Amino acid sequence: MNIENYIKKFFNKIENHSIEIYNEFSLQHELGVFLRNEISKPYKVEFERNVRFFNDGVKCVKSEIDIVIYHPDMEEKYAIELKFPKNGQHPESMFSFVKDIKFMEQVKQIGFTNTYAVTYVQDKLFYSGAKIDGIYAYFRNHEVLHGEIMKPTGRKDEIYMIDGHYHIEWLPLTIKSKYFMVTI
């Protein structure tokens, strides 16, 4: 199943104003409802499913998956992690994007068919601006996201090791909104 195409189709509906998104919960809810309407049974689309439902002994950087799509025989499983930052805090939010990508890498490693980290923004400072070093470099199209990523502010005691190599490509939707999707 090509979940990536479903996600793109969903964002096309945002672009043509068929679906309105105003916070992270609305993004999760609207995408989940859209997927339920698009994906035929017996596949299940569920919200905030604990990763232990799929692998009881696993330890990940997060425990709840925003949206899961799976066949009841568990042979095919997909996970989607979503972000829609609304309160600025650009470097901290960018680090949260990194955490989602790491989480989706971990979920993929426990046997998911594919996983996706999706971020939707209405603030250009996430994808453009004068700063292009540190964490900004990954989200302002200057460096491939890979390797050791350290928390950019406050106590720099949190580090994620990103195994894959991800080029963050922001896709335009409306005059003031863009999104990216990382497929793992």
N, C-alpha and C. Protein backbone atom coordinates (compact mmCIF):
# COMPACT_ATOMS: atom_id res chain seq x y z
N MET A 1 0.85 -1.17 0.00
CA MET A 1 0.00 0.00 0.00
C MET A 1 0.90 1.24 0.00
N ASN A 2 0.55 2.23 -0.79
CA ASN A 2 1.37 3.43 -0.89
C ASN A 2 0.78 4.55 -0.02
N ILE A 3 1.14 4.54 1.25
CA ILE A 3 0.64 5.53 2.21
C ILE A 3 1.11 6.93 1.83
N GLU A 4 2.31 7.02 1.26
CA GLU A 4 2.84 8.32 0.84
C GLU A 4 1.87 9.02 -0.12
N ASN A 5 1.30 8.28 -1.05
CA ASN A 5 0.34 8.88 -1.99
C ASN A 5 -0.92 9.36 -1.27
N TYR A 6 -1.38 8.60 -0.28
CA TYR A 6 -2.55 9.04 0.49
C TYR A 6 -2.24 10.35 1.23
N ILE A 7 -1.05 10.44 1.81
CA ILE A 7 -0.68 11.66 2.54
C ILE A 7 -0.61 12.85 1.59
N LYS A 8 -0.03 12.65 0.42
CA LYS A 8 0.03 13.73 -0.58
C LYS A 8 -1.37 14.15 -1.01
N LYS A 9 -2.25 13.18 -1.22
CA LYS A 9 -3.63 13.46 -1.60
C LYS A 9 -4.34 14.28 -0.51
N PHE A 10 -4.06 13.93 0.74
CA PHE A 10 -4.63 14.68 1.88
C PHE A 10 -4.16 16.13 1.85
N PHE A 11 -2.86 16.34 1.64
CA PHE A 11 -2.35 17.72 1.61
C PHE A 11 -2.84 18.48 0.39
N ASN A 12 -3.16 17.79 -0.69
CA ASN A 12 -3.80 18.46 -1.83
C ASN A 12 -5.16 19.01 -1.43
N LYS A 13 -5.86 18.30 -0.56
CA LYS A 13 -7.17 18.78 -0.08
C LYS A 13 -7.01 20.02 0.81
N ILE A 14 -5.93 20.08 1.56
CA ILE A 14 -5.64 21.28 2.35
C ILE A 14 -5.34 22.44 1.39
N GLU A 15 -4.55 22.14 0.37
CA GLU A 15 -4.16 23.17 -0.60
C GLU A 15 -5.37 23.76 -1.32
N ASN A 16 -6.35 22.92 -1.67
CA ASN A 16 -7.52 23.45 -2.37
C ASN A 16 -8.67 23.80 -1.41
N HIS A 17 -8.34 23.87 -0.11
CA HIS A 17 -9.26 24.34 0.94
C HIS A 17 -10.46 23.42 1.16
N SER A 18 -10.34 22.13 0.80
CA SER A 18 -11.39 21.15 1.10
C SER A 18 -11.33 20.71 2.55
N ILE A 19 -10.13 20.79 3.13
CA ILE A 19 -9.92 20.43 4.53
C ILE A 19 -9.21 21.59 5.19
N GLU A 20 -9.66 21.95 6.39
CA GLU A 20 -9.05 23.04 7.14
C GLU A 20 -8.31 22.46 8.34
N ILE A 21 -7.06 22.90 8.51
CA ILE A 21 -6.23 22.47 9.63
C ILE A 21 -5.90 23.71 10.45
N TYR A 22 -6.09 23.63 11.76
CA TYR A 22 -5.84 24.80 12.61
C TYR A 22 -4.98 24.49 13.83
N ASN A 23 -4.73 23.22 14.12
CA ASN A 23 -3.79 22.84 15.18
C ASN A 23 -3.37 21.39 14.95
N GLU A 24 -2.48 20.90 15.80
CA GLU A 24 -1.95 19.54 15.59
C GLU A 24 -3.03 18.48 15.74
N PHE A 25 -3.95 18.68 16.66
CA PHE A 25 -5.02 17.70 16.83
C PHE A 25 -5.89 17.64 15.58
N SER A 26 -6.19 18.80 14.99
CA SER A 26 -7.02 18.78 13.77
C SER A 26 -6.28 18.10 12.63
N LEU A 27 -4.96 18.28 12.56
CA LEU A 27 -4.17 17.59 11.54
C LEU A 27 -4.28 16.08 11.72
N GLN A 28 -4.09 15.61 12.95
CA GLN A 28 -4.16 14.18 13.22
C GLN A 28 -5.57 13.63 12.94
N HIS A 29 -6.56 14.33 13.43
CA HIS A 29 -7.94 13.87 13.27
C HIS A 29 -8.35 13.85 11.79
N GLU A 30 -8.11 14.95 11.09
CA GLU A 30 -8.52 15.03 9.69
C GLU A 30 -7.78 14.02 8.82
N LEU A 31 -6.47 13.84 9.06
CA LEU A 31 -5.73 12.86 8.28
C LEU A 31 -6.23 11.45 8.59
N GLY A 32 -6.48 11.15 9.85
CA GLY A 32 -6.99 9.82 10.22
C GLY A 32 -8.34 9.52 9.60
N VAL A 33 -9.24 10.49 9.64
CA VAL A 33 -10.57 10.30 9.04
C VAL A 33 -10.43 10.13 7.52
N PHE A 34 -9.58 10.96 6.93
CA PHE A 34 -9.33 10.84 5.49
C PHE A 34 -8.83 9.44 5.15
N LEU A 35 -7.86 8.95 5.91
CA LEU A 35 -7.30 7.61 5.65
C LEU A 35 -8.35 6.53 5.83
N ARG A 36 -9.20 6.65 6.84
CA ARG A 36 -10.27 5.66 7.04
C ARG A 36 -11.21 5.62 5.85
N ASN A 37 -11.47 6.78 5.26
CA ASN A 37 -12.36 6.83 4.10
C ASN A 37 -11.70 6.32 2.83
N GLU A 38 -10.39 6.43 2.74
CA GLU A 38 -9.65 6.05 1.53
C GLU A 38 -9.20 4.59 1.53
N ILE A 39 -8.87 4.07 2.69
CA ILE A 39 -8.29 2.73 2.78
C ILE A 39 -9.39 1.72 3.09
N SER A 40 -9.45 0.69 2.27
CA SER A 40 -10.54 -0.27 2.43
C SER A 40 -10.26 -1.26 3.55
N LYS A 41 -11.33 -1.79 4.09
CA LYS A 41 -11.23 -2.83 5.11
C LYS A 41 -10.58 -4.05 4.49
N PRO A 42 -9.91 -4.86 5.21
CA PRO A 42 -9.91 -5.01 6.66
C PRO A 42 -8.88 -4.15 7.37
N TYR A 43 -8.17 -3.24 6.67
CA TYR A 43 -7.16 -2.41 7.33
C TYR A 43 -7.81 -1.55 8.40
N LYS A 44 -7.08 -1.37 9.49
CA LYS A 44 -7.53 -0.53 10.59
C LYS A 44 -6.70 0.74 10.61
N VAL A 45 -7.35 1.86 10.91
CA VAL A 45 -6.68 3.15 11.10
C VAL A 45 -6.98 3.56 12.54
N GLU A 46 -5.93 3.69 13.35
CA GLU A 46 -6.12 3.99 14.77
C GLU A 46 -5.23 5.16 15.18
N PHE A 47 -5.64 5.81 16.26
CA PHE A 47 -4.96 6.99 16.78
C PHE A 47 -4.26 6.68 18.10
N GLU A 48 -3.10 7.31 18.30
CA GLU A 48 -2.39 7.25 19.58
C GLU A 48 -2.22 5.82 20.09
N ARG A 49 -1.83 4.93 19.21
CA ARG A 49 -1.63 3.54 19.57
C ARG A 49 -0.25 3.37 20.20
N ASN A 50 -0.21 2.72 21.36
CA ASN A 50 1.06 2.49 22.04
C ASN A 50 1.90 1.50 21.23
N VAL A 51 3.17 1.79 21.10
CA VAL A 51 4.08 0.95 20.32
C VAL A 51 4.15 -0.47 20.91
N ARG A 52 3.89 -0.62 22.18
CA ARG A 52 3.92 -1.95 22.83
C ARG A 52 2.79 -2.86 22.36
N PHE A 53 1.75 -2.29 21.77
CA PHE A 53 0.69 -3.10 21.18
C PHE A 53 1.27 -3.99 20.07
N PHE A 54 2.29 -3.48 19.39
CA PHE A 54 2.90 -4.19 18.27
C PHE A 54 4.13 -4.99 18.67
N ASN A 55 4.80 -4.57 19.76
CA ASN A 55 5.98 -5.27 20.25
C ASN A 55 6.12 -4.95 21.73
N ASP A 56 5.72 -5.89 22.56
CA ASP A 56 5.59 -5.65 24.00
C ASP A 56 6.89 -5.25 24.69
N GLY A 57 8.02 -5.73 24.25
CA GLY A 57 9.26 -5.47 24.97
C GLY A 57 10.07 -4.30 24.45
N VAL A 58 9.55 -3.54 23.52
CA VAL A 58 10.32 -2.49 22.86
C VAL A 58 10.41 -1.22 23.70
N LYS A 59 11.54 -0.54 23.58
CA LYS A 59 11.76 0.75 24.24
C LYS A 59 12.15 1.75 23.14
N CYS A 60 11.35 2.79 22.97
CA CYS A 60 11.59 3.80 21.94
C CYS A 60 11.66 5.18 22.59
N VAL A 61 12.02 6.20 21.80
CA VAL A 61 12.11 7.57 22.33
C VAL A 61 10.74 8.14 22.65
N LYS A 62 9.69 7.55 22.11
CA LYS A 62 8.31 7.92 22.41
C LYS A 62 7.52 6.62 22.55
N SER A 63 6.33 6.70 23.10
CA SER A 63 5.56 5.48 23.27
C SER A 63 4.29 5.43 22.42
N GLU A 64 3.72 6.56 22.09
CA GLU A 64 2.46 6.60 21.35
C GLU A 64 2.70 7.00 19.90
N ILE A 65 2.15 6.24 18.97
CA ILE A 65 2.23 6.55 17.55
C ILE A 65 0.98 7.34 17.19
N ASP A 66 1.14 8.48 16.52
CA ASP A 66 0.00 9.35 16.21
C ASP A 66 -1.08 8.61 15.41
N ILE A 67 -0.70 7.99 14.29
CA ILE A 67 -1.65 7.23 13.47
C ILE A 67 -0.98 5.93 13.05
N VAL A 68 -1.70 4.83 13.22
CA VAL A 68 -1.23 3.54 12.70
C VAL A 68 -2.27 2.99 11.73
N ILE A 69 -1.78 2.33 10.71
CA ILE A 69 -2.62 1.65 9.73
C ILE A 69 -2.07 0.23 9.67
N TYR A 70 -2.95 -0.75 9.90
CA TYR A 70 -2.44 -2.12 9.87
C TYR A 70 -3.51 -3.11 9.45
N HIS A 71 -3.04 -4.20 8.91
CA HIS A 71 -3.90 -5.31 8.56
C HIS A 71 -4.04 -6.16 9.82
N PRO A 72 -5.21 -6.69 10.09
CA PRO A 72 -5.40 -7.48 11.31
C PRO A 72 -4.42 -8.64 11.48
N ASP A 73 -3.89 -9.19 10.40
CA ASP A 73 -2.91 -10.28 10.54
C ASP A 73 -1.52 -9.76 10.90
N MET A 74 -1.37 -8.43 10.99
CA MET A 74 -0.13 -7.74 11.38
C MET A 74 1.02 -7.94 10.39
N GLU A 75 0.72 -8.45 9.21
CA GLU A 75 1.77 -8.62 8.19
C GLU A 75 2.13 -7.29 7.54
N GLU A 76 1.22 -6.36 7.56
CA GLU A 76 1.44 -5.05 6.96
C GLU A 76 1.06 -3.99 7.98
N LYS A 77 2.03 -3.11 8.33
CA LYS A 77 1.81 -2.08 9.35
C LYS A 77 2.50 -0.80 8.91
N TYR A 78 1.82 0.34 9.14
CA TYR A 78 2.36 1.65 8.80
C TYR A 78 2.16 2.58 9.99
N ALA A 79 3.11 3.49 10.19
CA ALA A 79 3.01 4.45 11.29
C ALA A 79 3.26 5.85 10.75
N ILE A 80 2.50 6.81 11.29
CA ILE A 80 2.66 8.21 10.90
C ILE A 80 2.80 9.04 12.16
N GLU A 81 3.84 9.85 12.22
CA GLU A 81 4.05 10.78 13.33
C GLU A 81 3.90 12.18 12.76
N LEU A 82 3.13 13.02 13.45
CA LEU A 82 2.74 14.34 12.93
C LEU A 82 3.22 15.47 13.82
N LYS A 83 3.54 16.59 13.19
CA LYS A 83 3.86 17.83 13.91
C LYS A 83 3.20 19.00 13.19
N PHE A 84 2.69 19.93 13.99
CA PHE A 84 2.17 21.21 13.49
C PHE A 84 2.49 22.25 14.56
N PRO A 85 3.72 22.75 14.57
CA PRO A 85 4.12 23.72 15.62
C PRO A 85 3.45 25.07 15.40
N LYS A 86 2.95 25.64 16.49
CA LYS A 86 2.24 26.91 16.41
C LYS A 86 2.84 28.00 17.29
N ASN A 87 3.79 27.65 18.14
CA ASN A 87 4.26 28.61 19.15
C ASN A 87 5.70 29.06 18.94
N GLY A 88 6.13 29.17 17.69
CA GLY A 88 7.51 29.60 17.46
C GLY A 88 8.49 28.57 17.98
N GLN A 89 9.37 28.99 18.89
CA GLN A 89 10.38 28.10 19.48
C GLN A 89 11.00 27.24 18.38
N HIS A 90 11.48 27.90 17.35
CA HIS A 90 11.94 27.20 16.15
C HIS A 90 12.99 26.12 16.41
N PRO A 91 14.09 26.42 17.11
CA PRO A 91 15.08 25.35 17.29
C PRO A 91 14.55 24.17 18.10
N GLU A 92 13.75 24.46 19.13
CA GLU A 92 13.16 23.37 19.93
C GLU A 92 12.18 22.55 19.10
N SER A 93 11.37 23.22 18.29
CA SER A 93 10.43 22.50 17.42
C SER A 93 11.17 21.65 16.41
N MET A 94 12.25 22.22 15.84
CA MET A 94 13.05 21.45 14.88
C MET A 94 13.63 20.20 15.54
N PHE A 95 14.04 20.33 16.79
CA PHE A 95 14.56 19.15 17.49
C PHE A 95 13.44 18.13 17.71
N SER A 96 12.22 18.59 17.90
CA SER A 96 11.07 17.68 17.99
C SER A 96 10.85 16.95 16.67
N PHE A 97 11.10 17.65 15.54
CA PHE A 97 10.99 16.98 14.24
C PHE A 97 12.01 15.83 14.17
N VAL A 98 13.22 16.10 14.66
CA VAL A 98 14.28 15.09 14.68
C VAL A 98 13.86 13.90 15.55
N LYS A 99 13.27 14.20 16.70
CA LYS A 99 12.81 13.13 17.60
C LYS A 99 11.77 12.26 16.91
N ASP A 100 10.85 12.87 16.16
CA ASP A 100 9.85 12.10 15.43
C ASP A 100 10.49 11.19 14.39
N ILE A 101 11.50 11.71 13.69
CA ILE A 101 12.19 10.90 12.69
C ILE A 101 12.89 9.72 13.36
N LYS A 102 13.56 9.98 14.49
CA LYS A 102 14.21 8.89 15.23
C LYS A 102 13.18 7.85 15.68
N PHE A 103 12.07 8.31 16.19
CA PHE A 103 11.00 7.41 16.62
C PHE A 103 10.52 6.54 15.46
N MET A 104 10.32 7.16 14.30
CA MET A 104 9.86 6.39 13.14
C MET A 104 10.93 5.41 12.67
N GLU A 105 12.21 5.75 12.81
CA GLU A 105 13.27 4.78 12.52
C GLU A 105 13.16 3.58 13.46
N GLN A 106 12.93 3.84 14.74
CA GLN A 106 12.81 2.75 15.72
C GLN A 106 11.60 1.88 15.44
N VAL A 107 10.47 2.51 15.10
CA VAL A 107 9.24 1.76 14.80
C VAL A 107 9.44 0.90 13.55
N LYS A 108 10.12 1.44 12.57
CA LYS A 108 10.43 0.66 11.35
C LYS A 108 11.28 -0.56 11.72
N GLN A 109 12.24 -0.38 12.63
CA GLN A 109 13.13 -1.47 13.02
C GLN A 109 12.40 -2.61 13.74
N ILE A 110 11.25 -2.32 14.34
CA ILE A 110 10.52 -3.40 15.03
C ILE A 110 9.54 -4.12 14.10
N GLY A 111 9.61 -3.82 12.79
CA GLY A 111 8.84 -4.62 11.86
C GLY A 111 7.74 -3.91 11.09
N PHE A 112 7.66 -2.58 11.17
CA PHE A 112 6.65 -1.88 10.38
C PHE A 112 7.07 -1.86 8.92
N THR A 113 6.10 -1.93 8.04
CA THR A 113 6.35 -1.93 6.60
C THR A 113 7.01 -0.62 6.18
N ASN A 114 6.40 0.49 6.55
CA ASN A 114 6.95 1.84 6.32
C ASN A 114 6.47 2.75 7.44
N THR A 115 7.26 3.77 7.69
CA THR A 115 6.87 4.78 8.67
C THR A 115 7.11 6.15 8.06
N TYR A 116 6.41 7.16 8.61
CA TYR A 116 6.43 8.51 8.03
C TYR A 116 6.47 9.55 9.14
N ALA A 117 7.34 10.52 8.99
CA ALA A 117 7.35 11.69 9.86
C ALA A 117 6.89 12.85 8.99
N VAL A 118 5.78 13.48 9.39
CA VAL A 118 5.16 14.53 8.59
C VAL A 118 5.04 15.79 9.44
N THR A 119 5.49 16.90 8.88
CA THR A 119 5.41 18.18 9.58
C THR A 119 4.75 19.20 8.67
N TYR A 120 3.79 19.93 9.24
CA TYR A 120 3.05 20.99 8.55
C TYR A 120 3.29 22.29 9.30
N VAL A 121 3.67 23.35 8.59
CA VAL A 121 3.94 24.64 9.24
C VAL A 121 3.26 25.77 8.51
N GLN A 122 3.00 26.83 9.26
CA GLN A 122 2.46 28.08 8.71
C GLN A 122 3.38 29.24 9.09
N ASP A 123 4.64 28.95 9.30
CA ASP A 123 5.63 29.93 9.74
C ASP A 123 6.90 29.73 8.93
N LYS A 124 7.24 30.71 8.10
CA LYS A 124 8.37 30.56 7.18
C LYS A 124 9.72 30.41 7.88
N LEU A 125 9.80 30.76 9.16
CA LEU A 125 11.07 30.64 9.85
C LEU A 125 11.50 29.19 10.08
N PHE A 126 10.60 28.25 9.82
CA PHE A 126 11.00 26.85 9.89
C PHE A 126 11.78 26.44 8.65
N TYR A 127 11.51 27.03 7.52
CA TYR A 127 12.17 26.62 6.29
C TYR A 127 13.03 27.70 5.63
N SER A 128 13.04 28.92 6.16
CA SER A 128 13.91 29.97 5.62
C SER A 128 14.29 30.94 6.72
N GLY A 129 15.38 31.64 6.49
CA GLY A 129 15.85 32.61 7.47
C GLY A 129 17.35 32.76 7.38
N ALA A 130 17.88 33.72 8.12
CA ALA A 130 19.30 34.03 8.07
C ALA A 130 20.16 32.92 8.66
N LYS A 131 19.69 32.29 9.72
CA LYS A 131 20.49 31.22 10.34
C LYS A 131 20.43 29.97 9.48
N ILE A 132 21.62 29.46 9.14
CA ILE A 132 21.67 28.23 8.34
C ILE A 132 22.67 27.23 8.92
N ASP A 133 23.02 27.43 10.20
CA ASP A 133 23.93 26.49 10.84
C ASP A 133 23.18 25.73 11.94
N GLY A 134 23.87 24.79 12.58
CA GLY A 134 23.25 24.02 13.66
C GLY A 134 22.02 23.29 13.16
N ILE A 135 21.01 23.24 13.99
CA ILE A 135 19.79 22.52 13.65
C ILE A 135 19.05 23.15 12.47
N TYR A 136 19.24 24.46 12.28
CA TYR A 136 18.59 25.16 11.17
C TYR A 136 19.02 24.59 9.82
N ALA A 137 20.26 24.14 9.73
CA ALA A 137 20.81 23.66 8.45
C ALA A 137 20.01 22.49 7.88
N TYR A 138 19.46 21.64 8.73
CA TYR A 138 18.71 20.49 8.26
C TYR A 138 17.35 20.86 7.69
N PHE A 139 16.77 21.92 8.21
CA PHE A 139 15.40 22.28 7.83
C PHE A 139 15.34 23.49 6.91
N ARG A 140 16.48 24.08 6.65
CA ARG A 140 16.55 25.20 5.71
C ARG A 140 17.36 24.82 4.48
N ASN A 141 17.31 23.52 4.14
CA ASN A 141 17.81 22.99 2.88
C ASN A 141 19.31 23.15 2.67
N HIS A 142 20.11 22.98 3.72
CA HIS A 142 21.55 23.13 3.58
C HIS A 142 22.32 21.85 3.89
N GLU A 143 21.78 20.97 4.73
CA GLU A 143 22.48 19.74 5.09
C GLU A 143 21.51 18.58 5.15
N VAL A 144 22.03 17.40 4.88
CA VAL A 144 21.25 16.16 5.00
C VAL A 144 21.19 15.81 6.49
N LEU A 145 20.00 15.46 6.95
CA LEU A 145 19.80 15.08 8.34
C LEU A 145 20.32 13.66 8.53
N HIS A 146 21.39 13.53 9.32
CA HIS A 146 22.01 12.24 9.56
C HIS A 146 22.99 12.37 10.73
N GLY A 147 23.16 11.29 11.46
CA GLY A 147 24.17 11.26 12.51
C GLY A 147 23.66 11.79 13.83
N GLU A 148 24.59 12.27 14.63
CA GLU A 148 24.30 12.72 15.98
C GLU A 148 23.72 14.14 15.95
N ILE A 149 22.49 14.29 16.48
CA ILE A 149 21.83 15.59 16.53
C ILE A 149 21.60 15.93 18.00
N MET A 150 22.17 17.04 18.43
CA MET A 150 22.10 17.45 19.84
C MET A 150 21.00 18.50 20.04
N LYS A 151 20.37 18.43 21.19
CA LYS A 151 19.37 19.43 21.56
C LYS A 151 20.02 20.81 21.44
N PRO A 152 19.37 21.74 20.72
CA PRO A 152 20.03 23.01 20.39
C PRO A 152 19.98 24.09 21.47
N THR A 153 19.09 23.96 22.44
CA THR A 153 18.94 25.02 23.45
C THR A 153 18.86 24.41 24.84
N GLY A 154 19.00 25.28 25.84
CA GLY A 154 18.92 24.82 27.22
C GLY A 154 20.02 23.83 27.54
N ARG A 155 19.71 22.89 28.41
CA ARG A 155 20.67 21.82 28.72
C ARG A 155 20.81 20.93 27.50
N LYS A 156 21.97 20.85 26.97
CA LYS A 156 22.20 20.08 25.75
C LYS A 156 22.49 18.62 26.10
N ASP A 157 21.54 18.04 26.84
CA ASP A 157 21.73 16.69 27.35
C ASP A 157 20.95 15.63 26.57
N GLU A 158 20.29 16.04 25.52
CA GLU A 158 19.50 15.11 24.73
C GLU A 158 20.13 15.03 23.34
N ILE A 159 20.40 13.80 22.90
CA ILE A 159 21.03 13.57 21.60
C ILE A 159 20.30 12.42 20.91
N TYR A 160 20.03 12.58 19.62
CA TYR A 160 19.46 11.49 18.83
C TYR A 160 20.42 11.13 17.73
N MET A 161 20.63 9.84 17.54
CA MET A 161 21.47 9.33 16.46
C MET A 161 20.53 8.93 15.32
N ILE A 162 20.57 9.70 14.25
CA ILE A 162 19.74 9.45 13.08
C ILE A 162 20.51 8.53 12.14
N ASP A 163 19.96 7.34 11.91
CA ASP A 163 20.65 6.32 11.12
C ASP A 163 20.57 6.60 9.62
N GLY A 164 19.41 7.02 9.14
CA GLY A 164 19.23 7.27 7.72
C GLY A 164 19.82 8.60 7.31
N HIS A 165 19.69 8.90 6.04
CA HIS A 165 20.12 10.17 5.46
C HIS A 165 18.88 10.81 4.85
N TYR A 166 18.43 11.93 5.42
CA TYR A 166 17.17 12.54 5.00
C TYR A 166 17.39 13.97 4.54
N HIS A 167 16.96 14.23 3.31
CA HIS A 167 16.97 15.58 2.78
C HIS A 167 15.56 16.13 3.01
N ILE A 168 15.44 17.17 3.81
CA ILE A 168 14.13 17.73 4.12
C ILE A 168 13.71 18.64 2.98
N GLU A 169 12.64 18.23 2.30
CA GLU A 169 12.12 19.01 1.18
C GLU A 169 10.74 19.56 1.57
N TRP A 170 10.69 20.87 1.75
CA TRP A 170 9.43 21.53 2.08
C TRP A 170 8.59 21.68 0.82
N LEU A 171 7.37 21.22 0.86
CA LEU A 171 6.46 21.31 -0.28
C LEU A 171 5.44 22.41 -0.01
N PRO A 172 5.28 23.35 -0.93
CA PRO A 172 4.35 24.46 -0.71
C PRO A 172 2.90 24.01 -0.84
N LEU A 173 2.04 24.62 -0.02
CA LEU A 173 0.60 24.36 -0.09
C LEU A 173 -0.15 25.65 -0.40
N THR A 174 -0.16 26.54 0.56
CA THR A 174 -0.80 27.83 0.38
C THR A 174 0.28 28.90 0.49
N ILE A 175 -0.11 30.14 0.43
CA ILE A 175 0.85 31.23 0.50
C ILE A 175 1.68 31.14 1.78
N LYS A 176 1.05 30.73 2.87
CA LYS A 176 1.77 30.74 4.15
C LYS A 176 1.99 29.35 4.77
N SER A 177 1.79 28.29 4.02
CA SER A 177 1.99 26.98 4.63
C SER A 177 2.78 26.03 3.72
N LYS A 178 3.56 25.17 4.38
CA LYS A 178 4.34 24.14 3.71
C LYS A 178 4.34 22.90 4.58
N TYR A 179 4.75 21.78 3.97
CA TYR A 179 4.91 20.56 4.75
C TYR A 179 6.07 19.77 4.20
N PHE A 180 6.58 18.86 5.03
CA PHE A 180 7.53 17.86 4.55
C PHE A 180 7.12 16.50 5.06
N MET A 181 7.53 15.51 4.31
CA MET A 181 7.26 14.11 4.69
C MET A 181 8.56 13.34 4.52
N VAL A 182 8.99 12.70 5.59
CA VAL A 182 10.15 11.82 5.56
C VAL A 182 9.61 10.39 5.60
N THR A 183 9.98 9.61 4.61
CA THR A 183 9.57 8.20 4.55
C THR A 183 10.74 7.34 5.01
N ILE A 184 10.46 6.48 5.98
CA ILE A 184 11.49 5.60 6.52
C ILE A 184 11.14 4.17 6.19
